[in-house]
Amino acid sequence: MPLETDLERETAKQLEKLEDEVSHIEAPSDKKVKNEIINIKAYISDCRHFLENGDLMRAFEAIVFAWGIYETLLSLGAVAGK
């Protein structure tokens, strides 16, 4: 399978998985945490945009950044995982 196909498939898979995770986050009271959740959602939106326009590298980068923020919030106990 071509690298581009693998990249697109994996990016879409991670996008769907993260969207599901983020949809279960309860509204935090901390303003900094709220801002980071906004950033996660912005990267998710960017990822979708890049996927739709065939910019696979930027789509992958966006979802990796979004996951990084999400996992950091989880490890700090700022949000609860699914």
N, C-alpha and C. Protein backbone atom coordinates (compact mmCIF):
# COMPACT_ATOMS: atom_id res chain seq x y z
N MET A 1 0.85 -1.18 0.00
CA MET A 1 0.00 0.00 0.00
C MET A 1 0.90 1.25 0.00
N PRO A 2 0.60 2.23 -0.82
CA PRO A 2 1.42 3.44 -0.89
C PRO A 2 1.44 4.20 0.45
N LEU A 3 2.54 4.86 0.71
CA LEU A 3 2.71 5.63 1.94
C LEU A 3 1.59 6.66 2.11
N GLU A 4 1.22 7.32 1.02
CA GLU A 4 0.17 8.33 1.10
C GLU A 4 -1.15 7.73 1.57
N THR A 5 -1.47 6.55 1.10
CA THR A 5 -2.71 5.87 1.51
C THR A 5 -2.65 5.52 2.98
N ASP A 6 -1.51 5.01 3.42
CA ASP A 6 -1.34 4.68 4.84
C ASP A 6 -1.47 5.92 5.71
N LEU A 7 -0.83 7.01 5.28
CA LEU A 7 -0.86 8.26 6.04
C LEU A 7 -2.27 8.80 6.14
N GLU A 8 -2.99 8.78 5.05
CA GLU A 8 -4.36 9.29 5.05
C GLU A 8 -5.25 8.43 5.94
N ARG A 9 -5.12 7.12 5.84
CA ARG A 9 -5.94 6.21 6.63
C ARG A 9 -5.65 6.37 8.14
N GLU A 10 -4.38 6.42 8.49
CA GLU A 10 -4.00 6.55 9.90
C GLU A 10 -4.42 7.91 10.47
N THR A 11 -4.28 8.95 9.69
CA THR A 11 -4.69 10.29 10.14
C THR A 11 -6.19 10.32 10.38
N ALA A 12 -6.96 9.78 9.46
CA ALA A 12 -8.42 9.75 9.61
C ALA A 12 -8.82 8.91 10.83
N LYS A 13 -8.13 7.81 11.04
CA LYS A 13 -8.41 6.95 12.20
C LYS A 13 -8.15 7.70 13.51
N GLN A 14 -7.01 8.38 13.58
CA GLN A 14 -6.66 9.11 14.80
C GLN A 14 -7.58 10.32 15.00
N LEU A 15 -8.00 10.94 13.92
CA LEU A 15 -8.94 12.05 13.99
C LEU A 15 -10.26 11.59 14.61
N GLU A 16 -10.79 10.51 14.10
CA GLU A 16 -12.05 9.97 14.61
C GLU A 16 -11.93 9.58 16.09
N LYS A 17 -10.84 8.94 16.42
CA LYS A 17 -10.63 8.50 17.81
C LYS A 17 -10.54 9.70 18.76
N LEU A 18 -9.79 10.74 18.37
CA LEU A 18 -9.65 11.90 19.23
C LEU A 18 -10.97 12.68 19.33
N GLU A 19 -11.70 12.78 18.24
CA GLU A 19 -13.00 13.46 18.30
C GLU A 19 -13.91 12.77 19.31
N ASP A 20 -13.88 11.44 19.34
CA ASP A 20 -14.67 10.69 20.30
C ASP A 20 -14.21 10.99 21.73
N GLU A 21 -12.90 10.98 21.95
CA GLU A 21 -12.35 11.27 23.28
C GLU A 21 -12.76 12.67 23.75
N VAL A 22 -12.59 13.65 22.88
CA VAL A 22 -12.87 15.04 23.23
C VAL A 22 -14.36 15.27 23.48
N SER A 23 -15.20 14.52 22.80
CA SER A 23 -16.65 14.70 22.97
C SER A 23 -17.11 14.30 24.38
N HIS A 24 -16.28 13.57 25.11
CA HIS A 24 -16.63 13.13 26.46
C HIS A 24 -16.03 14.01 27.55
N ILE A 25 -15.31 15.05 27.17
CA ILE A 25 -14.72 15.94 28.18
C ILE A 25 -15.83 16.83 28.74
N GLU A 26 -15.92 16.82 30.07
CA GLU A 26 -16.87 17.72 30.72
C GLU A 26 -16.27 19.13 30.73
N ALA A 27 -17.13 20.13 30.71
CA ALA A 27 -16.67 21.51 30.68
C ALA A 27 -15.85 21.82 31.94
N PRO A 28 -14.57 22.10 31.75
CA PRO A 28 -13.73 22.40 32.92
C PRO A 28 -13.97 23.82 33.42
N SER A 29 -13.70 24.04 34.69
CA SER A 29 -13.88 25.37 35.25
C SER A 29 -12.62 26.23 35.08
N ASP A 30 -11.48 25.58 34.92
CA ASP A 30 -10.22 26.29 34.79
C ASP A 30 -10.09 26.92 33.40
N LYS A 31 -9.82 28.22 33.37
CA LYS A 31 -9.75 28.95 32.10
C LYS A 31 -8.62 28.44 31.20
N LYS A 32 -7.47 28.11 31.79
CA LYS A 32 -6.35 27.61 30.98
C LYS A 32 -6.69 26.28 30.34
N VAL A 33 -7.37 25.43 31.08
CA VAL A 33 -7.78 24.13 30.53
C VAL A 33 -8.79 24.34 29.41
N LYS A 34 -9.73 25.25 29.63
CA LYS A 34 -10.72 25.57 28.57
C LYS A 34 -10.00 26.00 27.30
N ASN A 35 -8.98 26.87 27.45
CA ASN A 35 -8.24 27.35 26.29
C ASN A 35 -7.53 26.22 25.57
N GLU A 36 -6.99 25.28 26.31
CA GLU A 36 -6.30 24.15 25.68
C GLU A 36 -7.29 23.24 24.95
N ILE A 37 -8.48 23.09 25.49
CA ILE A 37 -9.51 22.30 24.79
C ILE A 37 -9.91 23.01 23.50
N ILE A 38 -9.99 24.32 23.55
CA ILE A 38 -10.25 25.10 22.33
C ILE A 38 -9.14 24.84 21.31
N ASN A 39 -7.90 24.80 21.78
CA ASN A 39 -6.77 24.52 20.88
C ASN A 39 -6.87 23.13 20.27
N ILE A 40 -7.24 22.15 21.08
CA ILE A 40 -7.42 20.78 20.56
C ILE A 40 -8.46 20.80 19.44
N LYS A 41 -9.58 21.44 19.70
CA LYS A 41 -10.65 21.48 18.70
C LYS A 41 -10.22 22.24 17.45
N ALA A 42 -9.40 23.26 17.60
CA ALA A 42 -8.89 24.00 16.44
C ALA A 42 -7.99 23.10 15.60
N TYR A 43 -7.11 22.33 16.26
CA TYR A 43 -6.25 21.40 15.53
C TYR A 43 -7.07 20.31 14.84
N ILE A 44 -8.13 19.85 15.49
CA ILE A 44 -9.02 18.86 14.87
C ILE A 44 -9.64 19.45 13.61
N SER A 45 -10.10 20.69 13.71
CA SER A 45 -10.68 21.37 12.55
C SER A 45 -9.65 21.54 11.44
N ASP A 46 -8.45 21.92 11.81
CA ASP A 46 -7.37 22.06 10.83
C ASP A 46 -7.09 20.73 10.15
N CYS A 47 -7.06 19.67 10.94
CA CYS A 47 -6.81 18.34 10.39
C CYS A 47 -7.85 17.99 9.34
N ARG A 48 -9.12 18.21 9.67
CA ARG A 48 -10.20 17.93 8.70
C ARG A 48 -10.00 18.73 7.42
N HIS A 49 -9.71 20.02 7.59
CA HIS A 49 -9.50 20.90 6.44
C HIS A 49 -8.37 20.37 5.55
N PHE A 50 -7.24 20.05 6.17
CA PHE A 50 -6.10 19.57 5.40
C PHE A 50 -6.39 18.23 4.72
N LEU A 51 -7.10 17.34 5.42
CA LEU A 51 -7.47 16.07 4.79
C LEU A 51 -8.34 16.29 3.56
N GLU A 52 -9.33 17.16 3.71
CA GLU A 52 -10.25 17.44 2.60
C GLU A 52 -9.53 18.04 1.39
N ASN A 53 -8.42 18.74 1.66
CA ASN A 53 -7.68 19.38 0.58
C ASN A 53 -6.45 18.58 0.15
N GLY A 54 -6.33 17.36 0.65
CA GLY A 54 -5.25 16.47 0.22
C GLY A 54 -3.87 16.82 0.77
N ASP A 55 -3.83 17.68 1.79
CA ASP A 55 -2.55 18.06 2.40
C ASP A 55 -2.31 17.12 3.58
N LEU A 56 -1.85 15.91 3.24
CA LEU A 56 -1.76 14.84 4.23
C LEU A 56 -0.73 15.10 5.32
N MET A 57 0.38 15.70 4.98
CA MET A 57 1.42 15.96 5.99
C MET A 57 0.91 16.94 7.04
N ARG A 58 0.29 18.02 6.60
CA ARG A 58 -0.23 19.00 7.56
C ARG A 58 -1.40 18.42 8.36
N ALA A 59 -2.20 17.58 7.73
CA ALA A 59 -3.30 16.92 8.45
C ALA A 59 -2.74 16.05 9.55
N PHE A 60 -1.71 15.28 9.23
CA PHE A 60 -1.09 14.41 10.23
C PHE A 60 -0.46 15.23 11.35
N GLU A 61 0.24 16.29 11.00
CA GLU A 61 0.84 17.15 12.02
C GLU A 61 -0.22 17.72 12.95
N ALA A 62 -1.33 18.17 12.39
CA ALA A 62 -2.39 18.77 13.20
C ALA A 62 -2.96 17.77 14.20
N ILE A 63 -3.19 16.54 13.76
CA ILE A 63 -3.77 15.56 14.68
C ILE A 63 -2.76 15.13 15.73
N VAL A 64 -1.48 15.10 15.37
CA VAL A 64 -0.44 14.78 16.36
C VAL A 64 -0.37 15.88 17.42
N PHE A 65 -0.43 17.14 17.01
CA PHE A 65 -0.42 18.24 17.97
C PHE A 65 -1.64 18.17 18.89
N ALA A 66 -2.80 17.89 18.31
CA ALA A 66 -4.04 17.80 19.11
C ALA A 66 -3.92 16.68 20.14
N TRP A 67 -3.43 15.53 19.71
CA TRP A 67 -3.23 14.41 20.65
C TRP A 67 -2.26 14.79 21.75
N GLY A 68 -1.21 15.51 21.40
CA GLY A 68 -0.22 15.92 22.39
C GLY A 68 -0.83 16.78 23.49
N ILE A 69 -1.64 17.73 23.09
CA ILE A 69 -2.31 18.58 24.08
C ILE A 69 -3.26 17.76 24.94
N TYR A 70 -4.05 16.91 24.29
CA TYR A 70 -5.02 16.09 25.02
C TYR A 70 -4.31 15.18 26.03
N GLU A 71 -3.27 14.51 25.60
CA GLU A 71 -2.56 13.59 26.49
C GLU A 71 -1.87 14.33 27.64
N THR A 72 -1.41 15.56 27.38
CA THR A 72 -0.83 16.36 28.44
C THR A 72 -1.90 16.71 29.49
N LEU A 73 -3.06 17.11 29.02
CA LEU A 73 -4.16 17.42 29.95
C LEU A 73 -4.54 16.19 30.77
N LEU A 74 -4.56 15.03 30.12
CA LEU A 74 -4.85 13.79 30.84
C LEU A 74 -3.80 13.51 31.92
N SER A 75 -2.54 13.62 31.56
CA SER A 75 -1.47 13.30 32.51
C SER A 75 -1.43 14.27 33.68
N LEU A 76 -1.88 15.49 33.47
CA LEU A 76 -1.94 16.49 34.55
C LEU A 76 -3.21 16.33 35.39
N GLY A 77 -4.11 15.47 34.96
CA GLY A 77 -5.37 15.30 35.66
C GLY A 77 -6.34 16.45 35.43
N ALA A 78 -6.07 17.25 34.38
CA ALA A 78 -6.93 18.40 34.08
C ALA A 78 -8.24 17.99 33.42
N VAL A 79 -8.23 16.85 32.76
CA VAL A 79 -9.45 16.27 32.17
C VAL A 79 -9.43 14.78 32.46
N ALA A 80 -10.60 14.19 32.41
CA ALA A 80 -10.72 12.74 32.61
C ALA A 80 -10.89 12.09 31.24
N GLY A 81 -10.21 10.98 31.05
CA GLY A 81 -10.34 10.23 29.80
C GLY A 81 -11.67 9.50 29.75
N LYS A 82 -11.95 8.97 28.62
CA LYS A 82 -13.19 8.24 28.36
C LYS A 82 -13.31 6.99 29.17
